[in-house]
N, C-alpha and C. Protein backbone atom coordinates (compact mmCIF):
# COMPACT_ATOMS: atom_id res chain seq x y z
N MET A 1 -46.18 97.89 110.01
CA MET A 1 -45.74 99.17 109.47
C MET A 1 -44.79 99.83 110.49
N ASP A 2 -43.77 100.43 109.99
CA ASP A 2 -42.78 101.10 110.82
C ASP A 2 -42.65 102.56 110.41
N ILE A 3 -42.94 103.50 111.33
CA ILE A 3 -42.90 104.90 111.00
C ILE A 3 -41.93 105.51 111.98
N ARG A 4 -40.98 106.25 111.50
CA ARG A 4 -40.02 106.94 112.37
C ARG A 4 -39.51 108.21 111.71
N HIS A 5 -38.95 109.08 112.47
CA HIS A 5 -38.32 110.28 111.94
C HIS A 5 -36.84 110.03 111.76
N ALA A 6 -36.33 110.41 110.63
CA ALA A 6 -34.93 110.18 110.30
C ALA A 6 -33.94 110.63 111.45
N MET A 7 -34.23 111.82 111.97
CA MET A 7 -33.36 112.32 112.98
C MET A 7 -33.39 111.55 114.33
N GLY A 8 -34.44 110.74 114.46
CA GLY A 8 -34.50 109.91 115.67
C GLY A 8 -33.72 108.63 115.49
N VAL A 9 -33.13 108.41 114.35
CA VAL A 9 -32.35 107.18 114.05
C VAL A 9 -30.86 107.54 114.31
N ARG A 10 -30.19 106.77 115.09
CA ARG A 10 -28.84 107.05 115.47
C ARG A 10 -27.87 107.04 114.24
N ALA A 11 -27.12 108.13 114.09
CA ALA A 11 -26.07 108.23 113.01
C ALA A 11 -24.80 107.51 113.50
N GLU A 12 -24.34 106.57 112.69
CA GLU A 12 -23.12 105.80 113.03
C GLU A 12 -22.05 106.20 112.07
N PRO A 13 -20.83 106.32 112.51
CA PRO A 13 -19.72 106.60 111.55
C PRO A 13 -19.49 105.41 110.60
N VAL A 14 -19.27 105.74 109.38
CA VAL A 14 -18.89 104.66 108.37
C VAL A 14 -17.52 104.27 108.71
N SER A 15 -17.29 102.99 108.97
CA SER A 15 -15.99 102.49 109.58
C SER A 15 -14.96 102.19 108.54
N ASP A 16 -15.33 102.19 107.24
CA ASP A 16 -14.41 101.91 106.17
C ASP A 16 -13.22 102.99 106.24
N PRO A 17 -11.94 102.55 106.34
CA PRO A 17 -10.83 103.51 106.44
C PRO A 17 -10.70 104.38 105.23
N GLN A 18 -11.33 104.02 104.09
CA GLN A 18 -11.28 104.87 102.91
C GLN A 18 -12.37 105.94 102.90
N ALA A 19 -13.25 105.92 103.87
CA ALA A 19 -14.30 106.94 104.01
C ALA A 19 -13.73 108.09 104.87
N LYS A 20 -14.24 109.32 104.60
CA LYS A 20 -13.80 110.45 105.41
C LYS A 20 -15.03 111.25 105.78
N ASP A 21 -15.28 111.40 107.07
CA ASP A 21 -16.38 112.24 107.61
C ASP A 21 -17.71 111.87 107.04
N VAL A 22 -18.04 110.50 107.18
CA VAL A 22 -19.33 110.01 106.71
C VAL A 22 -20.07 109.31 107.80
N THR A 23 -21.37 109.58 107.93
CA THR A 23 -22.22 108.84 108.87
C THR A 23 -23.35 108.12 108.09
N ILE A 24 -23.84 107.09 108.67
CA ILE A 24 -25.00 106.38 108.07
C ILE A 24 -26.12 106.24 109.12
N ARG A 25 -27.32 106.37 108.67
CA ARG A 25 -28.53 106.10 109.49
C ARG A 25 -29.29 105.01 108.77
N TRP A 26 -29.59 103.91 109.39
CA TRP A 26 -30.35 102.80 108.86
C TRP A 26 -31.84 103.16 109.03
N LEU A 27 -32.40 103.85 108.05
CA LEU A 27 -33.80 104.28 108.17
C LEU A 27 -34.79 103.14 108.04
N VAL A 28 -34.57 102.25 107.15
CA VAL A 28 -35.37 101.04 107.01
C VAL A 28 -34.34 99.96 106.81
N GLY A 29 -34.25 99.09 107.79
CA GLY A 29 -33.20 98.03 107.72
C GLY A 29 -33.62 96.76 108.45
N PRO A 30 -32.69 96.01 108.90
CA PRO A 30 -32.99 94.74 109.58
C PRO A 30 -33.96 94.90 110.78
N ASP A 31 -33.80 95.97 111.54
CA ASP A 31 -34.72 96.13 112.71
C ASP A 31 -36.15 96.53 112.23
N SER A 32 -36.36 96.95 111.02
CA SER A 32 -37.70 97.21 110.48
C SER A 32 -38.40 95.95 109.98
N GLY A 33 -37.56 94.93 109.70
CA GLY A 33 -38.10 93.70 109.10
C GLY A 33 -38.35 93.75 107.65
N ALA A 34 -37.75 94.72 106.95
CA ALA A 34 -37.92 94.89 105.54
C ALA A 34 -37.22 93.65 104.79
N PRO A 35 -37.97 92.95 104.04
CA PRO A 35 -37.44 91.70 103.48
C PRO A 35 -36.73 91.96 102.12
N THR A 36 -36.97 93.04 101.40
CA THR A 36 -36.46 93.15 100.05
C THR A 36 -35.41 94.31 99.90
N PHE A 37 -35.76 95.51 100.39
CA PHE A 37 -34.83 96.63 100.29
C PHE A 37 -34.58 97.30 101.58
N HIS A 38 -33.45 97.91 101.69
CA HIS A 38 -33.11 98.72 102.88
C HIS A 38 -32.84 100.15 102.42
N MET A 39 -33.21 101.07 103.29
CA MET A 39 -32.95 102.51 103.01
C MET A 39 -31.99 103.07 104.04
N ARG A 40 -30.96 103.68 103.55
CA ARG A 40 -30.00 104.34 104.40
C ARG A 40 -29.89 105.81 104.08
N GLN A 41 -29.56 106.62 105.14
CA GLN A 41 -29.26 108.02 104.93
C GLN A 41 -27.79 108.27 105.23
N PHE A 42 -27.06 108.81 104.27
CA PHE A 42 -25.71 109.16 104.48
C PHE A 42 -25.51 110.67 104.58
N ASP A 43 -24.69 111.09 105.56
CA ASP A 43 -24.31 112.46 105.73
C ASP A 43 -22.81 112.54 105.45
N VAL A 44 -22.42 113.33 104.53
CA VAL A 44 -21.02 113.52 104.21
C VAL A 44 -20.61 114.92 104.58
N GLY A 45 -19.70 115.03 105.53
CA GLY A 45 -19.27 116.41 105.97
C GLY A 45 -18.46 117.14 104.92
N ALA A 46 -18.32 118.37 105.13
CA ALA A 46 -17.57 119.22 104.19
C ALA A 46 -16.19 118.62 103.95
N GLY A 47 -15.80 118.42 102.71
CA GLY A 47 -14.51 117.87 102.39
C GLY A 47 -14.45 116.32 102.57
N GLY A 48 -15.58 115.71 102.95
CA GLY A 48 -15.56 114.23 103.16
C GLY A 48 -15.96 113.51 101.89
N HIS A 49 -15.90 112.13 102.02
CA HIS A 49 -16.19 111.30 100.90
C HIS A 49 -16.47 109.86 101.35
N THR A 50 -17.30 109.15 100.55
CA THR A 50 -17.49 107.76 100.79
C THR A 50 -16.35 106.97 100.16
N PRO A 51 -16.15 105.70 100.40
CA PRO A 51 -15.09 104.94 99.81
C PRO A 51 -15.35 104.79 98.32
N ARG A 52 -14.25 104.74 97.55
CA ARG A 52 -14.30 104.45 96.14
C ARG A 52 -14.42 102.96 96.05
N HIS A 53 -15.53 102.46 95.51
CA HIS A 53 -15.76 101.01 95.54
C HIS A 53 -16.81 100.60 94.42
N SER A 54 -16.96 99.30 94.30
CA SER A 54 -17.99 98.66 93.48
C SER A 54 -18.52 97.42 94.22
N HIS A 55 -19.62 96.94 93.78
CA HIS A 55 -20.17 95.70 94.39
C HIS A 55 -21.19 95.14 93.40
N PRO A 56 -21.51 93.88 93.60
CA PRO A 56 -22.38 93.21 92.59
C PRO A 56 -23.88 93.40 92.70
N TRP A 57 -24.26 94.53 93.27
CA TRP A 57 -25.70 94.90 93.35
C TRP A 57 -25.89 96.31 93.05
N GLU A 58 -27.06 96.66 92.54
CA GLU A 58 -27.40 98.01 92.20
C GLU A 58 -27.81 98.78 93.45
N HIS A 59 -27.83 100.10 93.30
CA HIS A 59 -28.52 100.87 94.32
C HIS A 59 -28.93 102.25 93.76
N GLU A 60 -29.96 102.77 94.37
CA GLU A 60 -30.57 104.05 93.98
C GLU A 60 -30.35 105.08 95.10
N CYS A 61 -30.03 106.30 94.61
CA CYS A 61 -29.70 107.35 95.64
C CYS A 61 -30.52 108.58 95.18
N TYR A 62 -30.81 109.38 96.22
CA TYR A 62 -31.54 110.63 96.04
C TYR A 62 -30.84 111.65 96.90
N ILE A 63 -30.38 112.75 96.36
CA ILE A 63 -29.69 113.75 97.11
C ILE A 63 -30.71 114.69 97.81
N LEU A 64 -30.72 114.69 99.13
CA LEU A 64 -31.63 115.48 99.97
C LEU A 64 -31.18 116.91 100.14
N GLN A 65 -29.85 117.05 100.43
CA GLN A 65 -29.36 118.35 100.86
C GLN A 65 -27.93 118.47 100.36
N GLY A 66 -27.50 119.70 100.07
CA GLY A 66 -26.16 120.00 99.74
C GLY A 66 -25.81 119.75 98.31
N GLN A 67 -24.54 119.74 98.09
CA GLN A 67 -23.99 119.46 96.72
C GLN A 67 -22.66 118.78 96.83
N GLY A 68 -22.24 118.24 95.78
CA GLY A 68 -20.98 117.51 95.70
C GLY A 68 -20.74 116.93 94.34
N LYS A 69 -19.98 115.88 94.29
CA LYS A 69 -19.71 115.21 93.03
C LYS A 69 -19.78 113.70 93.24
N VAL A 70 -20.19 113.00 92.15
CA VAL A 70 -20.14 111.56 92.15
C VAL A 70 -19.17 111.08 91.11
N LEU A 71 -18.26 110.17 91.53
CA LEU A 71 -17.36 109.50 90.61
C LEU A 71 -18.04 108.48 89.83
N ARG A 72 -17.98 108.58 88.50
CA ARG A 72 -18.67 107.71 87.60
C ARG A 72 -17.68 106.56 87.21
N PRO A 73 -18.17 105.47 86.65
CA PRO A 73 -17.33 104.31 86.35
C PRO A 73 -16.26 104.70 85.27
N ASP A 74 -16.48 105.73 84.48
CA ASP A 74 -15.46 106.16 83.49
C ASP A 74 -14.41 107.09 84.10
N GLY A 75 -14.49 107.30 85.46
CA GLY A 75 -13.47 108.18 86.15
C GLY A 75 -13.87 109.67 86.17
N GLN A 76 -14.93 110.01 85.49
CA GLN A 76 -15.37 111.40 85.47
C GLN A 76 -16.09 111.72 86.78
N LEU A 77 -15.93 112.96 87.26
CA LEU A 77 -16.66 113.51 88.38
C LEU A 77 -17.86 114.30 87.90
N THR A 78 -19.04 113.97 88.28
CA THR A 78 -20.25 114.64 87.89
C THR A 78 -20.84 115.45 89.04
N PRO A 79 -21.08 116.76 88.91
CA PRO A 79 -21.72 117.50 90.00
C PRO A 79 -23.13 116.98 90.30
N VAL A 80 -23.47 116.98 91.59
CA VAL A 80 -24.83 116.63 92.01
C VAL A 80 -25.23 117.64 93.09
N LYS A 81 -26.61 117.79 93.18
CA LYS A 81 -27.14 118.71 94.14
C LYS A 81 -28.52 118.19 94.69
N ALA A 82 -29.11 118.86 95.64
CA ALA A 82 -30.32 118.42 96.21
C ALA A 82 -31.35 118.28 95.08
N GLY A 83 -32.09 117.18 95.08
CA GLY A 83 -33.09 116.79 94.10
C GLY A 83 -32.60 115.88 93.00
N ASP A 84 -31.29 115.66 92.90
CA ASP A 84 -30.76 114.79 91.89
C ASP A 84 -30.95 113.31 92.33
N VAL A 85 -31.11 112.48 91.32
CA VAL A 85 -31.32 111.03 91.51
C VAL A 85 -30.23 110.27 90.82
N ILE A 86 -29.55 109.29 91.45
CA ILE A 86 -28.48 108.55 90.92
C ILE A 86 -28.77 107.09 90.96
N TYR A 87 -28.66 106.40 89.82
CA TYR A 87 -28.82 105.00 89.77
C TYR A 87 -27.42 104.35 89.49
N VAL A 88 -26.96 103.54 90.42
CA VAL A 88 -25.64 102.86 90.27
C VAL A 88 -25.90 101.47 89.92
N GLN A 89 -25.52 101.04 88.73
CA GLN A 89 -25.66 99.65 88.31
C GLN A 89 -24.73 98.70 89.04
N ALA A 90 -25.09 97.51 89.09
CA ALA A 90 -24.22 96.46 89.71
C ALA A 90 -22.86 96.48 89.07
N GLY A 91 -21.81 96.41 89.83
CA GLY A 91 -20.46 96.34 89.31
C GLY A 91 -19.84 97.68 88.97
N GLU A 92 -20.60 98.79 88.99
CA GLU A 92 -20.03 100.07 88.69
C GLU A 92 -19.21 100.71 89.83
N GLU A 93 -18.02 101.10 89.57
CA GLU A 93 -17.23 101.81 90.56
C GLU A 93 -17.84 103.23 90.74
N HIS A 94 -17.88 103.63 92.04
CA HIS A 94 -18.54 104.96 92.35
C HIS A 94 -18.03 105.42 93.66
N GLN A 95 -18.26 106.73 93.90
CA GLN A 95 -17.88 107.35 95.08
C GLN A 95 -18.62 108.73 95.19
N PHE A 96 -19.06 109.11 96.44
CA PHE A 96 -19.65 110.37 96.63
C PHE A 96 -18.69 111.30 97.34
N LEU A 97 -18.46 112.48 96.79
CA LEU A 97 -17.51 113.41 97.35
C LEU A 97 -18.22 114.77 97.68
N ASN A 98 -17.94 115.31 98.82
CA ASN A 98 -18.48 116.64 99.17
C ASN A 98 -17.41 117.63 99.07
N ASP A 99 -17.45 118.45 98.00
CA ASP A 99 -16.43 119.47 97.80
C ASP A 99 -16.95 120.86 98.17
N SER A 100 -18.02 120.86 98.98
CA SER A 100 -18.54 122.15 99.44
C SER A 100 -18.24 122.39 100.97
N TRP A 101 -18.80 123.51 101.47
CA TRP A 101 -18.59 123.79 102.87
C TRP A 101 -19.81 123.45 103.74
N SER A 102 -20.85 122.79 103.09
CA SER A 102 -21.96 122.36 103.88
C SER A 102 -22.15 120.87 103.73
N LYS A 103 -22.93 120.29 104.54
CA LYS A 103 -23.18 118.82 104.56
C LYS A 103 -23.91 118.35 103.29
N LEU A 104 -23.48 117.20 102.76
CA LEU A 104 -24.14 116.53 101.66
C LEU A 104 -24.89 115.36 102.27
N THR A 105 -26.21 115.31 102.05
CA THR A 105 -27.02 114.26 102.60
C THR A 105 -27.78 113.58 101.48
N PHE A 106 -27.72 112.24 101.46
CA PHE A 106 -28.47 111.48 100.44
C PHE A 106 -29.03 110.19 100.98
N LEU A 107 -30.12 109.81 100.38
CA LEU A 107 -30.73 108.50 100.59
C LEU A 107 -30.14 107.45 99.69
N CYS A 108 -30.04 106.24 100.20
CA CYS A 108 -29.48 105.14 99.30
C CYS A 108 -30.29 103.92 99.62
N MET A 109 -30.85 103.31 98.61
CA MET A 109 -31.60 102.05 98.73
C MET A 109 -30.86 100.89 98.08
N VAL A 110 -30.82 99.80 98.85
CA VAL A 110 -30.06 98.63 98.38
C VAL A 110 -30.84 97.35 98.68
N PRO A 111 -30.52 96.24 97.98
CA PRO A 111 -31.24 94.96 98.26
C PRO A 111 -30.86 94.56 99.69
N ALA A 112 -31.82 94.16 100.37
CA ALA A 112 -31.66 93.74 101.80
C ALA A 112 -30.65 92.60 101.97
N ALA A 113 -30.63 91.68 101.01
CA ALA A 113 -29.76 90.50 101.11
C ALA A 113 -28.26 90.92 101.10
N GLN A 114 -27.95 92.11 100.66
CA GLN A 114 -26.57 92.52 100.44
C GLN A 114 -26.11 93.38 101.58
N CYS A 115 -26.97 93.81 102.49
CA CYS A 115 -26.68 94.85 103.47
C CYS A 115 -25.57 94.52 104.46
N THR A 116 -25.20 93.30 104.60
CA THR A 116 -24.10 92.91 105.50
C THR A 116 -22.79 93.50 104.94
N GLN A 117 -22.78 93.86 103.66
CA GLN A 117 -21.54 94.35 103.05
C GLN A 117 -21.68 95.80 102.58
N CYS A 118 -22.80 96.46 102.96
CA CYS A 118 -22.99 97.80 102.44
C CYS A 118 -21.99 98.83 102.94
N LYS A 119 -21.51 99.69 102.07
CA LYS A 119 -20.61 100.73 102.40
C LYS A 119 -21.11 102.11 102.04
N GLY A 120 -21.77 102.15 100.93
CA GLY A 120 -22.27 103.50 100.49
C GLY A 120 -22.03 103.77 99.07
C-alpha cells in the first residue's frame, strides 16, 4: 500500500510545446508499483491549456478545483467546474483550457501500460 499527500508529490512542468502553464503530479504511477492504472494531477494556470491531442486509450478525469472548458471531439467547448467528471474515449481529440483567473486542477486516470506517452 502506498499513501501520500498530493502536495508532497513534486509538480513537473508538462514538456509538450503545445501545452501552456501546465504541471503534472504522478500521484499513483511507476514508483507506486501500480500495475493497471496510473493517477495524475494536472494544474492548469490561468489562461493555460493542455495540448490538443488524441491517443488510443481512454482516460477518466475529475475536476477538483476551478473552472474552464474541455474541447470535445466535435470541436465544441464545454464548460467544466469543480465536481465535474469527464470520460474521454480512446481516439477522441480533447484539450483542457483554463479561461478563468484561478487555477484549474483535475485528476486523470490512464492505463499504466500507456503512461510512457501520457500528455494529459
